[in-house]
Amino acid sequence: MSENEPLKVLIVEDEALLAMELEALVEDAGHAVVGWATSSSQAREMVDGLTADIAFVDVHLTDGPTGVDVARYIAEKKSSMVVFMTANPKRIPDNFAGAIGVIVKPYTMHGVTAALRYLHEGVRRPPPVSALPVGFTLSPSYRSAWAE
């Protein structure tokens, strides 16, 4: 796998406009969206059937505040790295349910683009060499591995 290879991204978001906007940002940054889920059951099916490097996961999905469960499922499968994208960061457990970190909504186009660049470095050639983007908070375990 080349360090320049684009990321494969799974979007787990129940608000269609936000998901489409995020998909456009991911693709404009040169990466590929491999799927989009609106509920925890859809997300689990996609995780089982797709290969993704990163999963952007909202905490609140169509079936309730189940994004944390989705993150745990992905972490158990070791199939993707999870980044929460939520307006409710207080709902994320202290251990981040195995996620890399969180981008708090409302996010900016520049913020997501910078986070994708940082994540691309972290996935393809860890640890990232870029500075931690503004608006992106690393989980405690990744902060100790990547930011110090």
N, C-alpha and C. Protein backbone atom coordinates (compact mmCIF):
# COMPACT_ATOMS: atom_id res chain seq x y z
N MET A 1 0.84 -1.18 0.00
CA MET A 1 0.00 0.00 0.00
C MET A 1 0.88 1.25 0.00
N SER A 2 0.63 2.10 -0.94
CA SER A 2 1.42 3.32 -1.09
C SER A 2 0.99 4.36 -0.06
N GLU A 3 1.96 5.13 0.41
CA GLU A 3 1.61 6.17 1.38
C GLU A 3 0.80 7.29 0.73
N ASN A 4 0.77 7.35 -0.61
CA ASN A 4 -0.03 8.35 -1.30
C ASN A 4 -1.42 7.84 -1.67
N GLU A 5 -1.68 6.56 -1.44
CA GLU A 5 -2.97 5.99 -1.78
C GLU A 5 -4.10 6.70 -1.02
N PRO A 6 -5.16 7.08 -1.71
CA PRO A 6 -6.27 7.78 -1.03
C PRO A 6 -6.89 6.91 0.07
N LEU A 7 -7.47 7.57 1.04
CA LEU A 7 -8.19 6.87 2.10
C LEU A 7 -9.54 6.40 1.58
N LYS A 8 -9.98 5.26 2.09
CA LYS A 8 -11.35 4.79 1.87
C LYS A 8 -12.13 5.15 3.12
N VAL A 9 -13.23 5.89 2.94
CA VAL A 9 -13.96 6.47 4.07
C VAL A 9 -15.39 5.95 4.10
N LEU A 10 -15.83 5.51 5.27
CA LEU A 10 -17.21 5.15 5.54
C LEU A 10 -17.83 6.30 6.33
N ILE A 11 -19.02 6.74 5.92
CA ILE A 11 -19.71 7.82 6.61
C ILE A 11 -20.92 7.22 7.34
N VAL A 12 -20.98 7.42 8.65
CA VAL A 12 -22.11 6.96 9.46
C VAL A 12 -22.77 8.22 10.03
N GLU A 13 -23.83 8.66 9.36
CA GLU A 13 -24.47 9.95 9.65
C GLU A 13 -25.93 9.87 9.22
N ASP A 14 -26.85 10.24 10.11
CA ASP A 14 -28.27 10.11 9.77
C ASP A 14 -28.86 11.34 9.09
N GLU A 15 -28.16 12.44 9.07
CA GLU A 15 -28.67 13.64 8.40
C GLU A 15 -28.13 13.67 6.97
N ALA A 16 -29.03 13.49 6.00
CA ALA A 16 -28.63 13.33 4.60
C ALA A 16 -27.80 14.51 4.09
N LEU A 17 -28.19 15.74 4.42
CA LEU A 17 -27.44 16.89 3.92
C LEU A 17 -26.02 16.92 4.47
N LEU A 18 -25.88 16.61 5.75
CA LEU A 18 -24.53 16.57 6.34
C LEU A 18 -23.70 15.45 5.70
N ALA A 19 -24.32 14.30 5.48
CA ALA A 19 -23.58 13.17 4.88
C ALA A 19 -23.13 13.52 3.46
N MET A 20 -24.02 14.15 2.70
CA MET A 20 -23.65 14.52 1.32
C MET A 20 -22.56 15.58 1.31
N GLU A 21 -22.65 16.53 2.23
CA GLU A 21 -21.62 17.57 2.34
C GLU A 21 -20.28 16.94 2.71
N LEU A 22 -20.30 16.03 3.68
CA LEU A 22 -19.08 15.36 4.11
C LEU A 22 -18.51 14.51 2.97
N GLU A 23 -19.38 13.82 2.24
CA GLU A 23 -18.92 13.02 1.09
C GLU A 23 -18.21 13.91 0.07
N ALA A 24 -18.78 15.08 -0.21
CA ALA A 24 -18.15 16.00 -1.16
C ALA A 24 -16.80 16.48 -0.64
N LEU A 25 -16.70 16.79 0.66
CA LEU A 25 -15.42 17.23 1.24
C LEU A 25 -14.37 16.13 1.14
N VAL A 26 -14.76 14.89 1.43
CA VAL A 26 -13.83 13.75 1.37
C VAL A 26 -13.33 13.58 -0.06
N GLU A 27 -14.26 13.61 -1.03
CA GLU A 27 -13.87 13.41 -2.42
C GLU A 27 -13.07 14.59 -2.96
N ASP A 28 -13.42 15.81 -2.57
CA ASP A 28 -12.64 16.99 -2.99
C ASP A 28 -11.21 16.93 -2.46
N ALA A 29 -11.02 16.26 -1.32
CA ALA A 29 -9.68 16.12 -0.74
C ALA A 29 -8.91 14.96 -1.38
N GLY A 30 -9.53 14.28 -2.36
CA GLY A 30 -8.83 13.23 -3.08
C GLY A 30 -9.02 11.83 -2.52
N HIS A 31 -9.98 11.65 -1.62
CA HIS A 31 -10.23 10.34 -1.02
C HIS A 31 -11.55 9.78 -1.54
N ALA A 32 -11.85 8.54 -1.20
CA ALA A 32 -13.04 7.87 -1.72
C ALA A 32 -14.00 7.50 -0.60
N VAL A 33 -15.29 7.76 -0.80
CA VAL A 33 -16.32 7.32 0.13
C VAL A 33 -16.79 5.94 -0.34
N VAL A 34 -16.67 4.95 0.53
CA VAL A 34 -17.02 3.58 0.15
C VAL A 34 -18.43 3.20 0.60
N GLY A 35 -19.05 4.01 1.46
CA GLY A 35 -20.40 3.72 1.91
C GLY A 35 -20.91 4.78 2.85
N TRP A 36 -22.24 4.71 3.07
CA TRP A 36 -22.91 5.69 3.92
C TRP A 36 -24.02 4.98 4.65
N ALA A 37 -24.02 5.05 5.96
CA ALA A 37 -25.03 4.40 6.79
C ALA A 37 -25.72 5.44 7.66
N THR A 38 -27.02 5.20 7.94
CA THR A 38 -27.78 6.14 8.77
C THR A 38 -28.16 5.56 10.13
N SER A 39 -27.97 4.25 10.31
CA SER A 39 -28.33 3.60 11.57
C SER A 39 -27.22 2.65 11.99
N SER A 40 -27.30 2.17 13.23
CA SER A 40 -26.26 1.25 13.71
C SER A 40 -26.32 -0.07 12.96
N SER A 41 -27.51 -0.57 12.62
CA SER A 41 -27.58 -1.85 11.90
C SER A 41 -27.00 -1.71 10.49
N GLN A 42 -27.31 -0.60 9.79
CA GLN A 42 -26.70 -0.37 8.48
C GLN A 42 -25.19 -0.27 8.58
N ALA A 43 -24.72 0.45 9.60
CA ALA A 43 -23.28 0.63 9.78
C ALA A 43 -22.59 -0.71 10.00
N ARG A 44 -23.18 -1.58 10.83
CA ARG A 44 -22.58 -2.89 11.08
C ARG A 44 -22.51 -3.72 9.81
N GLU A 45 -23.59 -3.69 9.01
CA GLU A 45 -23.59 -4.42 7.74
C GLU A 45 -22.47 -3.91 6.84
N MET A 46 -22.32 -2.60 6.77
CA MET A 46 -21.29 -2.02 5.91
C MET A 46 -19.89 -2.37 6.41
N VAL A 47 -19.70 -2.30 7.73
CA VAL A 47 -18.40 -2.64 8.31
C VAL A 47 -18.05 -4.09 7.97
N ASP A 48 -19.05 -4.96 8.01
CA ASP A 48 -18.81 -6.38 7.70
C ASP A 48 -18.55 -6.62 6.22
N GLY A 49 -19.08 -5.73 5.35
CA GLY A 49 -18.99 -5.99 3.93
C GLY A 49 -18.06 -5.09 3.14
N LEU A 50 -17.51 -4.07 3.76
CA LEU A 50 -16.67 -3.11 3.06
C LEU A 50 -15.30 -3.01 3.69
N THR A 51 -14.36 -2.48 2.94
CA THR A 51 -13.05 -2.16 3.49
C THR A 51 -12.95 -0.64 3.53
N ALA A 52 -12.73 -0.11 4.72
CA ALA A 52 -12.56 1.33 4.88
C ALA A 52 -11.37 1.58 5.81
N ASP A 53 -10.65 2.68 5.54
CA ASP A 53 -9.54 3.06 6.41
C ASP A 53 -10.05 3.87 7.60
N ILE A 54 -11.01 4.76 7.30
CA ILE A 54 -11.55 5.68 8.30
C ILE A 54 -13.07 5.59 8.28
N ALA A 55 -13.69 5.64 9.44
CA ALA A 55 -15.14 5.75 9.54
C ALA A 55 -15.45 7.03 10.31
N PHE A 56 -16.14 7.95 9.66
CA PHE A 56 -16.63 9.15 10.33
C PHE A 56 -17.99 8.78 10.92
N VAL A 57 -18.12 8.82 12.24
CA VAL A 57 -19.31 8.32 12.92
C VAL A 57 -19.94 9.41 13.77
N ASP A 58 -21.23 9.69 13.49
CA ASP A 58 -22.00 10.59 14.33
C ASP A 58 -22.45 9.80 15.56
N VAL A 59 -22.59 10.46 16.70
CA VAL A 59 -23.02 9.79 17.91
C VAL A 59 -24.51 9.46 17.84
N HIS A 60 -25.32 10.38 17.29
CA HIS A 60 -26.77 10.17 17.24
C HIS A 60 -27.18 9.76 15.83
N LEU A 61 -27.74 8.55 15.70
CA LEU A 61 -28.16 8.01 14.41
C LEU A 61 -29.68 7.84 14.40
N THR A 62 -30.24 7.33 13.31
CA THR A 62 -31.70 7.21 13.21
C THR A 62 -32.29 6.34 14.32
N ASP A 63 -31.52 5.39 14.84
CA ASP A 63 -32.02 4.52 15.90
C ASP A 63 -31.57 4.96 17.29
N GLY A 64 -31.22 6.23 17.42
CA GLY A 64 -30.86 6.77 18.73
C GLY A 64 -29.38 7.06 18.87
N PRO A 65 -28.93 7.29 20.10
CA PRO A 65 -27.51 7.61 20.33
C PRO A 65 -26.64 6.35 20.28
N THR A 66 -26.58 5.73 19.11
CA THR A 66 -25.92 4.43 18.95
C THR A 66 -24.55 4.51 18.28
N GLY A 67 -24.08 5.71 17.96
CA GLY A 67 -22.79 5.86 17.30
C GLY A 67 -21.64 5.31 18.14
N VAL A 68 -21.73 5.42 19.45
CA VAL A 68 -20.67 4.88 20.31
C VAL A 68 -20.62 3.35 20.18
N ASP A 69 -21.80 2.71 20.08
CA ASP A 69 -21.85 1.26 19.88
C ASP A 69 -21.22 0.88 18.54
N VAL A 70 -21.50 1.69 17.51
CA VAL A 70 -20.90 1.45 16.19
C VAL A 70 -19.37 1.55 16.29
N ALA A 71 -18.89 2.57 16.98
CA ALA A 71 -17.44 2.74 17.14
C ALA A 71 -16.82 1.53 17.84
N ARG A 72 -17.49 1.04 18.88
CA ARG A 72 -16.97 -0.15 19.59
C ARG A 72 -16.93 -1.36 18.66
N TYR A 73 -17.99 -1.52 17.86
CA TYR A 73 -18.07 -2.65 16.92
C TYR A 73 -16.92 -2.58 15.91
N ILE A 74 -16.68 -1.40 15.38
CA ILE A 74 -15.58 -1.22 14.42
C ILE A 74 -14.24 -1.49 15.09
N ALA A 75 -14.07 -1.01 16.33
CA ALA A 75 -12.81 -1.23 17.05
C ALA A 75 -12.59 -2.73 17.30
N GLU A 76 -13.66 -3.45 17.65
CA GLU A 76 -13.53 -4.90 17.88
C GLU A 76 -13.11 -5.61 16.60
N LYS A 77 -13.66 -5.18 15.47
CA LYS A 77 -13.35 -5.79 14.18
C LYS A 77 -11.97 -5.37 13.67
N LYS A 78 -11.44 -4.28 14.23
CA LYS A 78 -10.16 -3.72 13.79
C LYS A 78 -10.17 -3.46 12.28
N SER A 79 -11.33 -3.03 11.77
CA SER A 79 -11.48 -2.87 10.33
C SER A 79 -11.19 -1.45 9.87
N SER A 80 -11.44 -0.47 10.70
CA SER A 80 -11.25 0.94 10.34
C SER A 80 -10.87 1.71 11.59
N MET A 81 -10.32 2.90 11.36
CA MET A 81 -10.12 3.84 12.46
C MET A 81 -11.36 4.73 12.49
N VAL A 82 -11.86 4.99 13.69
CA VAL A 82 -13.09 5.77 13.84
C VAL A 82 -12.76 7.19 14.27
N VAL A 83 -13.45 8.15 13.65
CA VAL A 83 -13.43 9.54 14.08
C VAL A 83 -14.88 9.93 14.32
N PHE A 84 -15.18 10.32 15.54
CA PHE A 84 -16.53 10.81 15.82
C PHE A 84 -16.69 12.20 15.20
N MET A 85 -17.89 12.45 14.67
CA MET A 85 -18.25 13.78 14.19
C MET A 85 -19.59 14.07 14.84
N THR A 86 -19.58 14.92 15.86
CA THR A 86 -20.80 15.10 16.65
C THR A 86 -20.89 16.49 17.24
N ALA A 87 -22.12 16.90 17.48
CA ALA A 87 -22.37 18.14 18.22
C ALA A 87 -22.44 17.85 19.71
N ASN A 88 -22.38 16.57 20.09
CA ASN A 88 -22.49 16.15 21.49
C ASN A 88 -21.26 15.39 21.97
N PRO A 89 -20.10 16.06 22.02
CA PRO A 89 -18.88 15.33 22.42
C PRO A 89 -18.94 14.78 23.85
N LYS A 90 -19.82 15.31 24.68
CA LYS A 90 -19.93 14.81 26.06
C LYS A 90 -20.50 13.39 26.11
N ARG A 91 -21.12 12.95 25.03
CA ARG A 91 -21.66 11.59 24.97
C ARG A 91 -20.58 10.55 24.66
N ILE A 92 -19.40 11.00 24.29
CA ILE A 92 -18.31 10.07 23.98
C ILE A 92 -17.67 9.63 25.29
N PRO A 93 -17.51 8.31 25.50
CA PRO A 93 -16.88 7.86 26.75
C PRO A 93 -15.42 8.30 26.84
N ASP A 94 -14.88 8.30 28.05
CA ASP A 94 -13.50 8.75 28.28
C ASP A 94 -12.49 8.00 27.42
N ASN A 95 -12.74 6.71 27.15
CA ASN A 95 -11.80 5.93 26.34
C ASN A 95 -12.09 6.06 24.85
N PHE A 96 -13.06 6.91 24.49
CA PHE A 96 -13.44 7.18 23.09
C PHE A 96 -13.94 5.94 22.36
N ALA A 97 -14.28 4.88 23.09
CA ALA A 97 -14.81 3.64 22.49
C ALA A 97 -13.89 3.14 21.37
N GLY A 98 -12.59 3.36 21.53
CA GLY A 98 -11.61 2.89 20.55
C GLY A 98 -11.37 3.85 19.39
N ALA A 99 -12.06 4.98 19.36
CA ALA A 99 -11.92 5.93 18.26
C ALA A 99 -10.61 6.71 18.36
N ILE A 100 -10.16 7.24 17.21
CA ILE A 100 -8.96 8.08 17.16
C ILE A 100 -9.22 9.41 17.85
N GLY A 101 -10.40 9.98 17.56
CA GLY A 101 -10.69 11.30 18.09
C GLY A 101 -12.05 11.78 17.67
N VAL A 102 -12.24 13.10 17.77
CA VAL A 102 -13.54 13.70 17.48
C VAL A 102 -13.35 15.04 16.76
N ILE A 103 -14.24 15.28 15.82
CA ILE A 103 -14.40 16.59 15.19
C ILE A 103 -15.77 17.07 15.62
N VAL A 104 -15.82 18.21 16.30
CA VAL A 104 -17.08 18.71 16.83
C VAL A 104 -17.83 19.50 15.76
N LYS A 105 -19.12 19.21 15.65
CA LYS A 105 -20.00 19.96 14.74
C LYS A 105 -20.42 21.25 15.42
N PRO A 106 -20.62 22.31 14.72
CA PRO A 106 -20.44 22.41 13.27
C PRO A 106 -18.96 22.51 12.92
N TYR A 107 -18.57 21.75 11.92
CA TYR A 107 -17.18 21.78 11.48
C TYR A 107 -17.08 22.66 10.24
N THR A 108 -15.85 23.02 9.89
CA THR A 108 -15.63 23.84 8.70
C THR A 108 -15.02 22.98 7.60
N MET A 109 -15.15 23.43 6.38
CA MET A 109 -14.56 22.74 5.25
C MET A 109 -13.04 22.62 5.46
N HIS A 110 -12.42 23.73 5.87
CA HIS A 110 -10.97 23.72 6.10
C HIS A 110 -10.61 22.73 7.22
N GLY A 111 -11.43 22.70 8.27
CA GLY A 111 -11.16 21.80 9.39
C GLY A 111 -11.19 20.33 8.99
N VAL A 112 -12.19 19.97 8.18
CA VAL A 112 -12.29 18.58 7.73
C VAL A 112 -11.16 18.25 6.77
N THR A 113 -10.83 19.16 5.88
CA THR A 113 -9.73 18.93 4.94
C THR A 113 -8.41 18.74 5.69
N ALA A 114 -8.15 19.57 6.68
CA ALA A 114 -6.92 19.44 7.48
C ALA A 114 -6.93 18.13 8.26
N ALA A 115 -8.08 17.75 8.80
CA ALA A 115 -8.17 16.49 9.54
C ALA A 115 -7.92 15.30 8.61
N LEU A 116 -8.45 15.36 7.39
CA LEU A 116 -8.21 14.28 6.43
C LEU A 116 -6.72 14.16 6.08
N ARG A 117 -6.06 15.29 5.92
CA ARG A 117 -4.61 15.26 5.63
C ARG A 117 -3.87 14.61 6.80
N TYR A 118 -4.20 15.01 8.01
CA TYR A 118 -3.58 14.48 9.22
C TYR A 118 -3.85 12.97 9.33
N LEU A 119 -5.11 12.58 9.11
CA LEU A 119 -5.48 11.16 9.21
C LEU A 119 -4.81 10.33 8.11
N HIS A 120 -4.69 10.91 6.93
CA HIS A 120 -4.03 10.21 5.83
C HIS A 120 -2.59 9.87 6.23
N GLU A 121 -1.90 10.84 6.80
CA GLU A 121 -0.54 10.60 7.27
C GLU A 121 -0.54 9.53 8.37
N GLY A 122 -1.49 9.62 9.29
CA GLY A 122 -1.55 8.69 10.41
C GLY A 122 -1.89 7.27 10.02
N VAL A 123 -2.70 7.11 8.98
CA VAL A 123 -3.07 5.78 8.51
C VAL A 123 -1.97 5.18 7.65
N ARG A 124 -1.42 5.97 6.73
CA ARG A 124 -0.47 5.45 5.75
C ARG A 124 0.98 5.39 6.27
N ARG A 125 1.34 6.31 7.19
CA ARG A 125 2.72 6.36 7.65
C ARG A 125 2.75 6.96 9.06
N PRO A 126 2.21 6.23 10.04
CA PRO A 126 2.11 6.80 11.39
C PRO A 126 3.47 7.04 12.02
N PRO A 127 3.59 7.99 12.92
CA PRO A 127 2.56 8.97 13.28
C PRO A 127 2.53 10.11 12.27
N PRO A 128 1.44 10.90 12.26
CA PRO A 128 1.36 12.03 11.32
C PRO A 128 2.49 13.03 11.56
N VAL A 129 2.92 13.66 10.47
CA VAL A 129 3.97 14.68 10.60
C VAL A 129 3.37 16.09 10.70
N SER A 130 2.15 16.26 10.22
CA SER A 130 1.49 17.57 10.31
C SER A 130 1.09 17.86 11.76
N ALA A 131 0.89 19.13 12.04
CA ALA A 131 0.39 19.52 13.36
C ALA A 131 -1.06 19.07 13.48
N LEU A 132 -1.47 18.79 14.70
CA LEU A 132 -2.86 18.42 14.97
C LEU A 132 -3.77 19.55 14.52
N PRO A 133 -4.74 19.27 13.62
CA PRO A 133 -5.59 20.35 13.12
C PRO A 133 -6.48 20.96 14.21
N VAL A 134 -6.74 22.24 14.06
CA VAL A 134 -7.67 22.92 14.96
C VAL A 134 -9.04 22.28 14.78
N GLY A 135 -9.72 22.02 15.87
CA GLY A 135 -11.05 21.42 15.79
C GLY A 135 -11.05 19.91 15.81
N PHE A 136 -9.86 19.30 15.81
CA PHE A 136 -9.76 17.85 15.87
C PHE A 136 -9.13 17.48 17.20
N THR A 137 -9.84 16.72 18.02
CA THR A 137 -9.34 16.33 19.33
C THR A 137 -9.01 14.85 19.31
N LEU A 138 -7.77 14.52 19.63
CA LEU A 138 -7.35 13.11 19.67
C LEU A 138 -7.83 12.46 20.96
N SER A 139 -8.12 11.17 20.88
CA SER A 139 -8.44 10.39 22.08
C SER A 139 -7.17 10.30 22.93
N PRO A 140 -7.30 10.00 24.22
CA PRO A 140 -6.10 9.91 25.07
C PRO A 140 -5.07 8.91 24.55
N SER A 141 -5.50 7.75 24.06
CA SER A 141 -4.52 6.76 23.61
C SER A 141 -3.79 7.21 22.34
N TYR A 142 -4.50 7.86 21.41
CA TYR A 142 -3.82 8.36 20.21
C TYR A 142 -3.00 9.61 20.51
N ARG A 143 -3.45 10.40 21.46
CA ARG A 143 -2.67 11.59 21.83
C ARG A 143 -1.30 11.17 22.33
N SER A 144 -1.23 10.11 23.13
CA SER A 144 0.07 9.68 23.64
C SER A 144 0.91 9.04 22.53
N ALA A 145 0.27 8.41 21.54
CA ALA A 145 1.02 7.74 20.48
C ALA A 145 1.41 8.70 19.34
N TRP A 146 0.56 9.67 19.03
CA TRP A 146 0.77 10.50 17.84
C TRP A 146 1.23 11.91 18.11
N ALA A 147 0.85 12.48 19.22
CA ALA A 147 1.07 13.93 19.39
C ALA A 147 2.24 14.26 20.31
N GLU A 148 2.93 13.26 20.81
CA GLU A 148 4.01 13.59 21.75
C GLU A 148 5.35 13.13 21.27
